[in-house]
Amino acid sequence: MRVSVIGATGYAGAELLRLLTEHPEAELAHITSESSTGENIASLYPHLSGRVEKELESMRELEAIAADSDVIFIALPHGHAMKIGKLLRGSGVKIVDLGGDYRFKDPKVFEKWYKTEHLDPEAKAVYGLTELYREQVKKTELVANPGCYTTCSILALAPLLKAGLIATKGIVVDAKSGTTGAGRSLKLGSLYCSVNESIKAYGVTTHRHTPEIEQIYSECAGEPVIIQFTPHLLPADRGIYATCYAMLKEGVKAKEIAAAFDAMYGKEFFIKVRPQGEVPELKNVRASNYVDIGWQIDPRTGRVIVMSCLDNLVKGAAGQAVQNMNVMFGIDETAGLRHLPVYP
């Protein structure tokens, strides 16, 4: 497969390049950056030296890039992918968008939360949370790769919502992210002195991943679900950790919770569900495509607490994008992604 990356100099784009160098079926065709056109990607990311010595192009030659590619990853901020997707529709090239442009079934939800007009509302994208929508991903040419917070949060409660074991009202998702989740652009809140030895909430009641999580929770439950979602910034480079709280329905026991997780994830390569009471840790998923899930029941409050963690740049972005590419082309879903986490 000839693979191109639009927006290769962001953290997710660079992570894609790292993963693709190890992929047995992928050949890197084109990489682009509007801010660094003409530069060697290895001069910006020395860790790629000797493996990805490739000149960054401009996406102004997009149609030529598409003609020379089997699949294009779009690793750009929201608002760009819908222009590219609209331009390339019908060209035969497959697209995986790592941004938010195509994640919502209703474009008006995108417009409300992203404050941007949707320029490609007729697109037929598949939401690329691979473990939940694998069969749809197989048949599509346009995948909307989920956000990092959303992947972590959805995988935590999807089995319990599908099995009807928890109430759909009163769900709380308390989530935390490493600073790479804020992107590579210079921001005051992401500076070392702002982040080090500190933790803070942000986007309280307004974070754009809220309606994305609600959309999939609602599909799983078969009814509308409204959640309380609060993200926090961690003094760490990588990782997403979501602690999700939900009320158990009357009479639900631990064995039913365990059975629901096993039914959905028992055969999934990348998802590890820990025994009841065992707590997952970020360092056990670092730099990998794995997801660790733990859970516990609080008999005093009647709640189940589900803890989920992943690497925001891999399973939360580039790794899941590669996983979706593998499914789209009918090859081993784990190709290029089987490496174990980096520990500690």
C-alpha atoms as a PDB file:
ATOM      1  CA  MET A   1       0.000   0.000   0.000  1.00  0.00           C
ATOM      2  CA  ARG A   2       1.259   3.457  -0.883  1.00  0.00           C
ATOM      3  CA  VAL A   3       0.524   5.661   2.114  1.00  0.00           C
ATOM      4  CA  SER A   4       0.603   9.455   2.405  1.00  0.00           C
ATOM      5  CA  VAL A   5       0.347  11.658   5.489  1.00  0.00           C
ATOM      6  CA  ILE A   6      -1.143  15.141   5.231  1.00  0.00           C
ATOM      7  CA  GLY A   7       0.112  17.130   8.202  1.00  0.00           C
ATOM      8  CA  ALA A   8       3.135  15.032   9.076  1.00  0.00           C
ATOM      9  CA  THR A   9       4.804  17.462  11.483  1.00  0.00           C
ATOM     10  CA  GLY A  10       2.238  17.386  14.294  1.00  0.00           C
ATOM     11  CA  TYR A  11       2.591  14.887  17.111  1.00  0.00           C
ATOM     12  CA  ALA A  12       0.024  12.507  15.601  1.00  0.00           C
ATOM     13  CA  GLY A  13       1.577  12.838  12.143  1.00  0.00           C
ATOM     14  CA  ALA A  14       5.055  12.069  13.438  1.00  0.00           C
ATOM     15  CA  GLU A  15       3.684   9.101  15.382  1.00  0.00           C
ATOM     16  CA  LEU A  16       2.114   7.803  12.174  1.00  0.00           C
ATOM     17  CA  LEU A  17       5.519   7.910  10.501  1.00  0.00           C
ATOM     18  CA  ARG A  18       7.082   5.965  13.382  1.00  0.00           C
ATOM     19  CA  LEU A  19       4.407   3.267  13.164  1.00  0.00           C
ATOM     20  CA  LEU A  20       4.413   3.058   9.371  1.00  0.00           C
ATOM     21  CA  THR A  21       8.156   2.375   9.251  1.00  0.00           C
ATOM     22  CA  GLU A  22       7.412  -0.914  11.038  1.00  0.00           C
ATOM     23  CA  HIS A  23       4.398  -1.814   8.919  1.00  0.00           C
ATOM     24  CA  PRO A  24       5.022  -4.840   6.658  1.00  0.00           C
ATOM     25  CA  GLU A  25       2.546  -3.746   3.962  1.00  0.00           C
ATOM     26  CA  ALA A  26       2.999   0.044   3.902  1.00  0.00           C
ATOM     27  CA  GLU A  27       5.259   2.156   1.705  1.00  0.00           C
ATOM     28  CA  LEU A  28       5.462   5.858   2.529  1.00  0.00           C
ATOM     29  CA  ALA A  29       4.581   7.844  -0.600  1.00  0.00           C
ATOM     30  CA  HIS A  30       4.162  11.503   0.382  1.00  0.00           C
ATOM     31  CA  ILE A  31       4.292  13.588   3.553  1.00  0.00           C
ATOM     32  CA  THR A  32       3.183  17.210   3.746  1.00  0.00           C
ATOM     33  CA  SER A  33       3.560  20.312   5.885  1.00  0.00           C
ATOM     34  CA  GLU A  34       2.626  23.844   4.915  1.00  0.00           C
ATOM     35  CA  SER A  35       4.892  25.371   7.563  1.00  0.00           C
ATOM     36  CA  SER A  36       7.961  23.225   6.787  1.00  0.00           C
ATOM     37  CA  THR A  37       7.658  22.531   3.043  1.00  0.00           C
ATOM     38  CA  GLY A  38      10.982  21.495   1.542  1.00  0.00           C
ATOM     39  CA  GLU A  39      12.545  20.413   4.834  1.00  0.00           C
ATOM     40  CA  ASN A  40      13.581  16.869   5.684  1.00  0.00           C
ATOM     41  CA  ILE A  41      11.213  15.451   8.310  1.00  0.00           C
ATOM     42  CA  ALA A  42      14.212  13.946  10.131  1.00  0.00           C
ATOM     43  CA  SER A  43      15.604  17.436  10.735  1.00  0.00           C
ATOM     44  CA  LEU A  44      12.434  18.276  12.681  1.00  0.00           C
ATOM     45  CA  TYR A  45      12.174  14.876  14.380  1.00  0.00           C
ATOM     46  CA  PRO A  46      15.695  13.465  14.761  1.00  0.00           C
ATOM     47  CA  HIS A  47      14.324  10.196  16.171  1.00  0.00           C
ATOM     48  CA  LEU A  48      13.280   9.385  12.592  1.00  0.00           C
ATOM     49  CA  SER A  49      16.838   9.827  11.243  1.00  0.00           C
ATOM     50  CA  GLY A  50      17.998   7.000   9.046  1.00  0.00           C
ATOM     51  CA  ARG A  51      14.502   5.563   8.785  1.00  0.00           C
ATOM     52  CA  VAL A  52      12.346   8.380   7.402  1.00  0.00           C
ATOM     53  CA  GLU A  53      14.591  10.719   5.432  1.00  0.00           C
ATOM     54  CA  LYS A  54      11.877  12.330   3.355  1.00  0.00           C
ATOM     55  CA  GLU A  55      11.194  15.850   2.112  1.00  0.00           C
ATOM     56  CA  LEU A  56       7.996  17.518   3.213  1.00  0.00           C
ATOM     57  CA  GLU A  57       5.747  18.584   0.367  1.00  0.00           C
ATOM     58  CA  SER A  58       2.862  21.042   0.125  1.00  0.00           C
ATOM     59  CA  MET A  59      -0.683  19.731   0.003  1.00  0.00           C
ATOM     60  CA  ARG A  60      -1.336  22.195  -2.808  1.00  0.00           C
ATOM     61  CA  GLU A  61      -0.431  19.211  -5.012  1.00  0.00           C
ATOM     62  CA  LEU A  62      -3.171  17.191  -3.335  1.00  0.00           C
ATOM     63  CA  GLU A  63      -4.677  15.610  -6.441  1.00  0.00           C
ATOM     64  CA  ALA A  64      -1.270  14.399  -7.604  1.00  0.00           C
ATOM     65  CA  ILE A  65      -0.572  13.023  -4.128  1.00  0.00           C
ATOM     66  CA  ALA A  66      -3.918  11.207  -4.153  1.00  0.00           C
ATOM     67  CA  ALA A  67      -3.233   9.716  -7.571  1.00  0.00           C
ATOM     68  CA  ASP A  68      -0.012   8.239  -6.182  1.00  0.00           C
ATOM     69  CA  SER A  69      -1.568   6.921  -2.955  1.00  0.00           C
ATOM     70  CA  ASP A  70      -3.782   4.037  -1.894  1.00  0.00           C
ATOM     71  CA  VAL A  71      -4.621   5.676   1.436  1.00  0.00           C
ATOM     72  CA  ILE A  72      -4.218   9.175   2.859  1.00  0.00           C
ATOM     73  CA  PHE A  73      -4.057  10.006   6.551  1.00  0.00           C
ATOM     74  CA  ILE A  74      -5.172  13.540   7.374  1.00  0.00           C
ATOM     75  CA  ALA A  75      -3.511  14.706  10.595  1.00  0.00           C
ATOM     76  CA  LEU A  76      -4.633  18.333  10.578  1.00  0.00           C
ATOM     77  CA  PRO A  77      -6.682  20.533  12.909  1.00  0.00           C
ATOM     78  CA  HIS A  78     -10.444  20.518  12.363  1.00  0.00           C
ATOM     79  CA  GLY A  79     -11.774  22.348   9.333  1.00  0.00           C
ATOM     80  CA  HIS A  80      -9.234  21.047   6.806  1.00  0.00           C
ATOM     81  CA  ALA A  81     -10.207  17.403   6.297  1.00  0.00           C
ATOM     82  CA  MET A  82     -13.719  18.186   5.039  1.00  0.00           C
ATOM     83  CA  LYS A  83     -12.225  20.265   2.218  1.00  0.00           C
ATOM     84  CA  ILE A  84      -9.843  17.462   1.289  1.00  0.00           C
ATOM     85  CA  GLY A  85     -12.519  14.774   1.568  1.00  0.00           C
ATOM     86  CA  LYS A  86     -14.897  16.715  -0.653  1.00  0.00           C
ATOM     87  CA  LEU A  87     -12.207  17.314  -3.269  1.00  0.00           C
ATOM     88  CA  LEU A  88     -11.073  13.675  -3.380  1.00  0.00           C
ATOM     89  CA  ARG A  89     -14.465  11.969  -3.252  1.00  0.00           C
ATOM     90  CA  GLY A  90     -14.726   9.436  -6.065  1.00  0.00           C
ATOM     91  CA  SER A  91     -10.963   9.401  -6.698  1.00  0.00           C
ATOM     92  CA  GLY A  92     -10.603   5.875  -5.320  1.00  0.00           C
ATOM     93  CA  VAL A  93      -8.141   6.802  -2.576  1.00  0.00           C
ATOM     94  CA  LYS A  94      -9.102   5.779   0.951  1.00  0.00           C
ATOM     95  CA  ILE A  95      -9.000   8.444   3.669  1.00  0.00           C
ATOM     96  CA  VAL A  96      -8.533   8.270   7.425  1.00  0.00           C
ATOM     97  CA  ASP A  97      -9.177  11.612   9.119  1.00  0.00           C
ATOM     98  CA  LEU A  98      -7.589  11.972  12.554  1.00  0.00           C
ATOM     99  CA  GLY A  99      -9.469  15.236  13.207  1.00  0.00           C
ATOM    100  CA  GLY A 100     -13.051  15.957  14.164  1.00  0.00           C
ATOM    101  CA  ASP A 101     -14.595  16.891  10.818  1.00  0.00           C
ATOM    102  CA  TYR A 102     -16.377  13.623  10.058  1.00  0.00           C
ATOM    103  CA  ARG A 103     -17.080  12.203  13.516  1.00  0.00           C
ATOM    104  CA  PHE A 104     -20.706  13.305  13.824  1.00  0.00           C
ATOM    105  CA  LYS A 105     -23.682  11.794  12.057  1.00  0.00           C
ATOM    106  CA  ASP A 106     -25.380  15.182  12.184  1.00  0.00           C
ATOM    107  CA  PRO A 107     -23.161  17.954  10.737  1.00  0.00           C
ATOM    108  CA  LYS A 108     -25.112  20.478  12.783  1.00  0.00           C
ATOM    109  CA  VAL A 109     -23.653  18.964  15.965  1.00  0.00           C
ATOM    110  CA  PHE A 110     -20.186  19.585  14.544  1.00  0.00           C
ATOM    111  CA  GLU A 111     -21.120  23.162  13.692  1.00  0.00           C
ATOM    112  CA  LYS A 112     -22.514  23.805  17.178  1.00  0.00           C
ATOM    113  CA  TRP A 113     -19.499  22.516  19.094  1.00  0.00           C
ATOM    114  CA  TYR A 114     -16.709  23.474  16.680  1.00  0.00           C
ATOM    115  CA  LYS A 115     -18.175  26.872  15.695  1.00  0.00           C
ATOM    116  CA  THR A 116     -17.380  26.115  12.064  1.00  0.00           C
ATOM    117  CA  GLU A 117     -19.576  25.537   9.019  1.00  0.00           C
ATOM    118  CA  HIS A 118     -19.406  21.961   7.761  1.00  0.00           C
ATOM    119  CA  LEU A 119     -18.382  22.044   4.104  1.00  0.00           C
ATOM    120  CA  ASP A 120     -18.992  18.373   3.283  1.00  0.00           C
ATOM    121  CA  PRO A 121     -22.297  17.370   4.939  1.00  0.00           C
ATOM    122  CA  GLU A 122     -23.070  14.757   2.248  1.00  0.00           C
ATOM    123  CA  ALA A 123     -20.031  12.647   3.158  1.00  0.00           C
ATOM    124  CA  LYS A 124     -20.650   9.053   4.219  1.00  0.00           C
ATOM    125  CA  ALA A 125     -17.996   8.495   6.856  1.00  0.00           C
ATOM    126  CA  VAL A 126     -17.695   5.594   9.274  1.00  0.00           C
ATOM    127  CA  TYR A 127     -16.771   6.268  12.880  1.00  0.00           C
ATOM    128  CA  GLY A 128     -13.485   4.453  13.280  1.00  0.00           C
ATOM    129  CA  LEU A 129     -13.591   3.029  16.770  1.00  0.00           C
ATOM    130  CA  THR A 130     -12.396  -0.233  15.331  1.00  0.00           C
ATOM    131  CA  GLU A 131     -13.589  -2.644  18.001  1.00  0.00           C
ATOM    132  CA  LEU A 132     -17.158  -1.328  17.779  1.00  0.00           C
ATOM    133  CA  TYR A 133     -17.477  -0.618  14.043  1.00  0.00           C
ATOM    134  CA  ARG A 134     -15.110  -3.097  12.405  1.00  0.00           C
ATOM    135  CA  GLU A 135     -17.631  -4.381   9.841  1.00  0.00           C
ATOM    136  CA  GLN A 136     -18.527  -0.852   8.699  1.00  0.00           C
ATOM    137  CA  VAL A 137     -14.851   0.136   8.472  1.00  0.00           C
ATOM    138  CA  LYS A 138     -14.249  -2.797   6.111  1.00  0.00           C
ATOM    139  CA  LYS A 139     -16.643  -1.328   3.540  1.00  0.00           C
ATOM    140  CA  THR A 140     -15.911   2.387   3.642  1.00  0.00           C
ATOM    141  CA  GLU A 141     -13.483   4.734   1.887  1.00  0.00           C
ATOM    142  CA  LEU A 142     -13.691   7.433   4.572  1.00  0.00           C
ATOM    143  CA  VAL A 143     -12.977   6.789   8.258  1.00  0.00           C
ATOM    144  CA  ALA A 144     -13.460   9.353  10.997  1.00  0.00           C
ATOM    145  CA  ASN A 145     -10.802   8.367  13.509  1.00  0.00           C
ATOM    146  CA  PRO A 146     -12.138   8.953  17.049  1.00  0.00           C
ATOM    147  CA  GLY A 147     -10.630  11.387  19.507  1.00  0.00           C
ATOM    148  CA  CYS A 148      -8.338  10.178  22.287  1.00  0.00           C
ATOM    149  CA  TYR A 149     -10.640  11.049  25.186  1.00  0.00           C
ATOM    150  CA  THR A 150     -13.556   9.526  23.303  1.00  0.00           C
ATOM    151  CA  THR A 151     -11.845   6.228  22.542  1.00  0.00           C
ATOM    152  CA  CYS A 152     -10.860   5.825  26.186  1.00  0.00           C
ATOM    153  CA  SER A 153     -14.275   6.824  27.572  1.00  0.00           C
ATOM    154  CA  ILE A 154     -16.429   4.942  25.071  1.00  0.00           C
ATOM    155  CA  LEU A 155     -14.559   1.664  25.443  1.00  0.00           C
ATOM    156  CA  ALA A 156     -14.976   1.909  29.220  1.00  0.00           C
ATOM    157  CA  LEU A 157     -18.786   1.912  29.290  1.00  0.00           C
ATOM    158  CA  ALA A 158     -19.914   0.617  25.867  1.00  0.00           C
ATOM    159  CA  PRO A 159     -20.262  -3.024  27.024  1.00  0.00           C
ATOM    160  CA  LEU A 160     -22.385  -2.047  30.039  1.00  0.00           C
ATOM    161  CA  LEU A 161     -24.629   0.256  28.011  1.00  0.00           C
ATOM    162  CA  LYS A 162     -25.132  -2.385  25.320  1.00  0.00           C
ATOM    163  CA  ALA A 163     -25.994  -4.998  27.919  1.00  0.00           C
ATOM    164  CA  GLY A 164     -28.412  -2.632  29.657  1.00  0.00           C
ATOM    165  CA  LEU A 165     -26.652  -2.984  32.999  1.00  0.00           C
ATOM    166  CA  ILE A 166     -26.322   0.714  33.875  1.00  0.00           C
ATOM    167  CA  ALA A 167     -28.644   3.710  33.988  1.00  0.00           C
ATOM    168  CA  THR A 168     -28.282   6.137  31.102  1.00  0.00           C
ATOM    169  CA  LYS A 169     -28.769   9.160  33.348  1.00  0.00           C
ATOM    170  CA  GLY A 170     -26.135  10.528  35.686  1.00  0.00           C
ATOM    171  CA  ILE A 171     -23.039   9.174  33.887  1.00  0.00           C
ATOM    172  CA  VAL A 172     -19.868  11.054  34.848  1.00  0.00           C
ATOM    173  CA  VAL A 173     -16.600  10.832  32.923  1.00  0.00           C
ATOM    174  CA  ASP A 174     -13.580  12.310  34.691  1.00  0.00           C
ATOM    175  CA  ALA A 175     -10.651  12.158  32.275  1.00  0.00           C
ATOM    176  CA  LYS A 176      -7.017  13.223  32.205  1.00  0.00           C
ATOM    177  CA  SER A 177      -4.581  13.712  29.330  1.00  0.00           C
ATOM    178  CA  GLY A 178      -0.869  14.131  28.772  1.00  0.00           C
ATOM    179  CA  THR A 179       0.221  17.414  27.218  1.00  0.00           C
ATOM    180  CA  THR A 180       0.722  16.003  23.707  1.00  0.00           C
ATOM    181  CA  GLY A 181      -3.075  15.890  23.549  1.00  0.00           C
ATOM    182  CA  ALA A 182      -2.999  19.687  23.258  1.00  0.00           C
ATOM    183  CA  GLY A 183      -1.021  19.507  20.008  1.00  0.00           C
ATOM    184  CA  ARG A 184       2.407  20.780  18.986  1.00  0.00           C
ATOM    185  CA  SER A 185       1.571  24.459  18.520  1.00  0.00           C
ATOM    186  CA  LEU A 186       2.854  26.901  21.113  1.00  0.00           C
ATOM    187  CA  LYS A 187       0.269  27.525  23.830  1.00  0.00           C
ATOM    188  CA  LEU A 188       0.746  29.253  27.172  1.00  0.00           C
ATOM    189  CA  GLY A 189      -1.137  26.542  29.053  1.00  0.00           C
ATOM    190  CA  SER A 190       1.115  23.808  27.623  1.00  0.00           C
ATOM    191  CA  LEU A 191       4.456  25.368  28.565  1.00  0.00           C
ATOM    192  CA  TYR A 192       6.660  23.384  30.934  1.00  0.00           C
ATOM    193  CA  CYS A 193       6.229  25.838  33.808  1.00  0.00           C
ATOM    194  CA  SER A 194       2.453  25.785  33.348  1.00  0.00           C
ATOM    195  CA  VAL A 195       2.170  22.001  33.377  1.00  0.00           C
ATOM    196  CA  ASN A 196       4.987  20.713  35.584  1.00  0.00           C
ATOM    197  CA  GLU A 197       3.998  19.754  39.138  1.00  0.00           C
ATOM    198  CA  SER A 198       0.399  20.767  38.481  1.00  0.00           C
ATOM    199  CA  ILE A 199      -2.952  19.470  37.283  1.00  0.00           C
ATOM    200  CA  LYS A 200      -5.954  21.433  36.105  1.00  0.00           C
ATOM    201  CA  ALA A 201      -9.374  20.964  34.580  1.00  0.00           C
ATOM    202  CA  TYR A 202     -10.188  22.684  31.294  1.00  0.00           C
ATOM    203  CA  GLY A 203     -13.054  22.847  28.819  1.00  0.00           C
ATOM    204  CA  VAL A 204     -15.455  22.321  31.726  1.00  0.00           C
ATOM    205  CA  THR A 205     -18.958  21.752  30.223  1.00  0.00           C
ATOM    206  CA  THR A 206     -17.693  22.852  26.783  1.00  0.00           C
ATOM    207  CA  HIS A 207     -15.181  20.245  25.593  1.00  0.00           C
ATOM    208  CA  ARG A 208     -15.767  19.124  21.990  1.00  0.00           C
ATOM    209  CA  HIS A 209     -15.387  15.448  22.808  1.00  0.00           C
ATOM    210  CA  THR A 210     -18.526  15.565  24.957  1.00  0.00           C
ATOM    211  CA  PRO A 211     -21.061  15.182  22.110  1.00  0.00           C
ATOM    212  CA  GLU A 212     -18.829  12.593  20.434  1.00  0.00           C
ATOM    213  CA  ILE A 213     -18.931  10.382  23.520  1.00  0.00           C
ATOM    214  CA  GLU A 214     -22.673  10.984  23.905  1.00  0.00           C
ATOM    215  CA  GLN A 215     -23.300  10.002  20.273  1.00  0.00           C
ATOM    216  CA  ILE A 216     -21.761   6.549  20.698  1.00  0.00           C
ATOM    217  CA  TYR A 217     -23.083   5.991  24.213  1.00  0.00           C
ATOM    218  CA  SER A 218     -26.566   6.711  22.819  1.00  0.00           C
ATOM    219  CA  GLU A 219     -26.075   4.187  20.009  1.00  0.00           C
ATOM    220  CA  CYS A 220     -24.945   1.552  22.495  1.00  0.00           C
ATOM    221  CA  ALA A 221     -27.856   2.224  24.857  1.00  0.00           C
ATOM    222  CA  GLY A 222     -30.511   2.607  22.178  1.00  0.00           C
ATOM    223  CA  GLU A 223     -31.667   5.875  23.740  1.00  0.00           C
ATOM    224  CA  PRO A 224     -30.282   9.411  24.195  1.00  0.00           C
ATOM    225  CA  VAL A 225     -27.480   9.671  26.746  1.00  0.00           C
ATOM    226  CA  ILE A 226     -26.270  12.946  28.265  1.00  0.00           C
ATOM    227  CA  ILE A 227     -23.060  12.834  30.298  1.00  0.00           C
ATOM    228  CA  GLN A 228     -20.980  15.053  32.540  1.00  0.00           C
ATOM    229  CA  PHE A 229     -17.511  15.119  30.972  1.00  0.00           C
ATOM    230  CA  THR A 230     -14.579  16.968  32.524  1.00  0.00           C
ATOM    231  CA  PRO A 231     -11.059  16.743  31.061  1.00  0.00           C
ATOM    232  CA  HIS A 232      -7.850  17.561  32.949  1.00  0.00           C
ATOM    233  CA  LEU A 233      -4.267  18.224  31.896  1.00  0.00           C
ATOM    234  CA  LEU A 234      -1.598  15.971  33.409  1.00  0.00           C
ATOM    235  CA  PRO A 235       2.091  16.789  33.887  1.00  0.00           C
ATOM    236  CA  ALA A 236       2.975  13.919  31.523  1.00  0.00           C
ATOM    237  CA  ASP A 237       3.845  13.672  27.828  1.00  0.00           C
ATOM    238  CA  ARG A 238       1.511  10.855  26.849  1.00  0.00           C
ATOM    239  CA  GLY A 239      -1.602   9.093  28.017  1.00  0.00           C
ATOM    240  CA  ILE A 240      -5.339   9.309  28.603  1.00  0.00           C
ATOM    241  CA  TYR A 241      -6.936   8.087  31.813  1.00  0.00           C
ATOM    242  CA  ALA A 242     -10.719   8.089  32.157  1.00  0.00           C
ATOM    243  CA  THR A 243     -12.594   7.230  35.325  1.00  0.00           C
ATOM    244  CA  CYS A 244     -16.263   6.674  34.480  1.00  0.00           C
ATOM    245  CA  TYR A 245     -19.092   6.512  37.019  1.00  0.00           C
ATOM    246  CA  ALA A 246     -22.534   5.017  36.335  1.00  0.00           C
ATOM    247  CA  MET A 247     -25.450   3.793  38.444  1.00  0.00           C
ATOM    248  CA  LEU A 248     -26.073   0.071  38.269  1.00  0.00           C
ATOM    249  CA  LYS A 249     -29.582  -1.050  37.468  1.00  0.00           C
ATOM    250  CA  GLU A 250     -31.470  -2.860  40.198  1.00  0.00           C
ATOM    251  CA  GLY A 251     -30.126  -6.323  40.906  1.00  0.00           C
ATOM    252  CA  VAL A 252     -27.047  -6.199  38.669  1.00  0.00           C
ATOM    253  CA  LYS A 253     -24.178  -8.256  40.080  1.00  0.00           C
ATOM    254  CA  ALA A 254     -20.433  -8.336  39.491  1.00  0.00           C
ATOM    255  CA  LYS A 255     -20.637 -11.508  37.392  1.00  0.00           C
ATOM    256  CA  GLU A 256     -22.905  -9.718  34.900  1.00  0.00           C
ATOM    257  CA  ILE A 257     -20.443  -6.836  34.604  1.00  0.00           C
ATOM    258  CA  ALA A 258     -17.589  -9.271  33.985  1.00  0.00           C
ATOM    259  CA  ALA A 259     -19.666 -11.175  31.417  1.00  0.00           C
ATOM    260  CA  ALA A 260     -20.512  -7.979  29.517  1.00  0.00           C
ATOM    261  CA  PHE A 261     -16.843  -7.017  29.217  1.00  0.00           C
ATOM    262  CA  ASP A 262     -15.903 -10.528  28.154  1.00  0.00           C
ATOM    263  CA  ALA A 263     -18.670 -10.665  25.539  1.00  0.00           C
ATOM    264  CA  MET A 264     -17.460  -7.492  23.848  1.00  0.00           C
ATOM    265  CA  TYR A 265     -13.692  -7.633  24.401  1.00  0.00           C
ATOM    266  CA  GLY A 266     -12.862 -11.268  25.156  1.00  0.00           C
ATOM    267  CA  LYS A 267     -11.367 -11.801  21.700  1.00  0.00           C
ATOM    268  CA  GLU A 268      -9.990  -8.304  21.133  1.00  0.00           C
ATOM    269  CA  PHE A 269      -6.211  -8.210  20.715  1.00  0.00           C
ATOM    270  CA  PHE A 270      -5.673  -4.648  21.917  1.00  0.00           C
ATOM    271  CA  ILE A 271      -8.069  -4.461  24.869  1.00  0.00           C
ATOM    272  CA  LYS A 272      -7.120  -5.902  28.234  1.00  0.00           C
ATOM    273  CA  VAL A 273      -9.851  -6.041  30.864  1.00  0.00           C
ATOM    274  CA  ARG A 274      -8.400  -6.473  34.329  1.00  0.00           C
ATOM    275  CA  PRO A 275     -10.118  -8.530  37.075  1.00  0.00           C
ATOM    276  CA  GLN A 276     -12.544  -6.692  39.350  1.00  0.00           C
ATOM    277  CA  GLY A 277     -10.709  -4.310  41.664  1.00  0.00           C
ATOM    278  CA  GLU A 278      -7.453  -4.253  39.691  1.00  0.00           C
ATOM    279  CA  VAL A 279      -6.546  -0.692  38.707  1.00  0.00           C
ATOM    280  CA  PRO A 280      -4.983   0.076  35.289  1.00  0.00           C
ATOM    281  CA  GLU A 281      -1.963   2.374  34.984  1.00  0.00           C
ATOM    282  CA  LEU A 282      -0.780   4.648  32.183  1.00  0.00           C
ATOM    283  CA  LYS A 283       2.738   3.228  32.224  1.00  0.00           C
ATOM    284  CA  ASN A 284       1.343  -0.150  31.151  1.00  0.00           C
ATOM    285  CA  VAL A 285       0.085   1.215  27.807  1.00  0.00           C
ATOM    286  CA  ARG A 286       2.744   3.815  26.977  1.00  0.00           C
ATOM    287  CA  ALA A 287       3.703   4.016  23.261  1.00  0.00           C
ATOM    288  CA  SER A 288       1.400   1.098  22.409  1.00  0.00           C
ATOM    289  CA  ASN A 289      -1.985   0.480  20.803  1.00  0.00           C
ATOM    290  CA  TYR A 290      -3.297  -1.322  23.889  1.00  0.00           C
ATOM    291  CA  VAL A 291      -6.153  -0.259  26.164  1.00  0.00           C
ATOM    292  CA  ASP A 292      -6.247  -1.294  29.822  1.00  0.00           C
ATOM    293  CA  ILE A 293      -9.623  -1.379  31.583  1.00  0.00           C
ATOM    294  CA  GLY A 294     -10.354  -1.982  35.243  1.00  0.00           C
ATOM    295  CA  TRP A 295     -13.598  -1.830  37.200  1.00  0.00           C
ATOM    296  CA  GLN A 296     -15.086  -1.955  40.657  1.00  0.00           C
ATOM    297  CA  ILE A 297     -18.569  -1.848  42.196  1.00  0.00           C
ATOM    298  CA  ASP A 298     -19.283   0.446  45.134  1.00  0.00           C
ATOM    299  CA  PRO A 299     -22.070  -1.310  47.099  1.00  0.00           C
ATOM    300  CA  ARG A 300     -22.521   1.780  49.263  1.00  0.00           C
ATOM    301  CA  THR A 301     -23.527   4.048  46.340  1.00  0.00           C
ATOM    302  CA  GLY A 302     -24.759   1.453  43.849  1.00  0.00           C
ATOM    303  CA  ARG A 303     -22.314   2.665  41.238  1.00  0.00           C
ATOM    304  CA  VAL A 304     -19.881   0.875  38.985  1.00  0.00           C
ATOM    305  CA  ILE A 305     -16.586   2.683  38.455  1.00  0.00           C
ATOM    306  CA  VAL A 306     -14.779   1.830  35.226  1.00  0.00           C
ATOM    307  CA  MET A 307     -11.193   2.987  34.724  1.00  0.00           C
ATOM    308  CA  SER A 308      -9.704   3.015  31.238  1.00  0.00           C
ATOM    309  CA  CYS A 309      -6.323   4.157  29.943  1.00  0.00           C
ATOM    310  CA  LEU A 310      -4.468   4.326  26.642  1.00  0.00           C
ATOM    311  CA  ASP A 311      -1.694   6.184  24.860  1.00  0.00           C
ATOM    312  CA  ASN A 312      -3.294   9.266  23.312  1.00  0.00           C
ATOM    313  CA  LEU A 313      -0.890   9.337  20.344  1.00  0.00           C
ATOM    314  CA  VAL A 314      -1.224   5.631  19.509  1.00  0.00           C
ATOM    315  CA  LYS A 315      -4.612   4.060  20.270  1.00  0.00           C
ATOM    316  CA  GLY A 316      -5.956   7.584  20.720  1.00  0.00           C
ATOM    317  CA  ALA A 317      -4.734   8.747  17.297  1.00  0.00           C
ATOM    318  CA  ALA A 318      -2.080   7.260  14.986  1.00  0.00           C
ATOM    319  CA  GLY A 319      -2.264   3.631  16.122  1.00  0.00           C
ATOM    320  CA  GLN A 320      -6.023   3.437  15.774  1.00  0.00           C
ATOM    321  CA  ALA A 321      -5.691   5.118  12.360  1.00  0.00           C
ATOM    322  CA  VAL A 322      -3.292   2.377  11.244  1.00  0.00           C
ATOM    323  CA  GLN A 323      -5.607  -0.252  12.757  1.00  0.00           C
ATOM    324  CA  ASN A 324      -8.448   1.169  10.676  1.00  0.00           C
ATOM    325  CA  MET A 325      -6.274   1.198   7.559  1.00  0.00           C
ATOM    326  CA  ASN A 326      -5.512  -2.478   8.104  1.00  0.00           C
ATOM    327  CA  VAL A 327      -9.217  -3.278   8.348  1.00  0.00           C
ATOM    328  CA  MET A 328     -10.055  -1.191   5.265  1.00  0.00           C
ATOM    329  CA  PHE A 329      -7.530  -3.144   3.178  1.00  0.00           C
ATOM    330  CA  GLY A 330      -8.392  -6.549   4.604  1.00  0.00           C
ATOM    331  CA  ILE A 331      -4.972  -7.283   6.089  1.00  0.00           C
ATOM    332  CA  ASP A 332      -3.985  -8.400   9.587  1.00  0.00           C
ATOM    333  CA  GLU A 333      -5.557  -5.816  11.900  1.00  0.00           C
ATOM    334  CA  THR A 334      -2.521  -5.867  14.180  1.00  0.00           C
ATOM    335  CA  ALA A 335       0.047  -5.285  11.403  1.00  0.00           C
ATOM    336  CA  GLY A 336       2.596  -2.692  12.492  1.00  0.00           C
ATOM    337  CA  LEU A 337       1.000  -2.425  15.935  1.00  0.00           C
ATOM    338  CA  ARG A 338       1.998  -5.518  17.878  1.00  0.00           C
ATOM    339  CA  HIS A 339       4.836  -3.947  19.885  1.00  0.00           C
ATOM    340  CA  LEU A 340       4.459  -4.059  23.649  1.00  0.00           C
ATOM    341  CA  PRO A 341       4.205  -0.907  25.774  1.00  0.00           C
ATOM    342  CA  VAL A 342       7.394   0.893  26.821  1.00  0.00           C
ATOM    343  CA  TYR A 343       7.889   0.293  30.555  1.00  0.00           C
ATOM    344  CA  PRO A 344       8.364   2.189  32.813  1.00  0.00           C
END
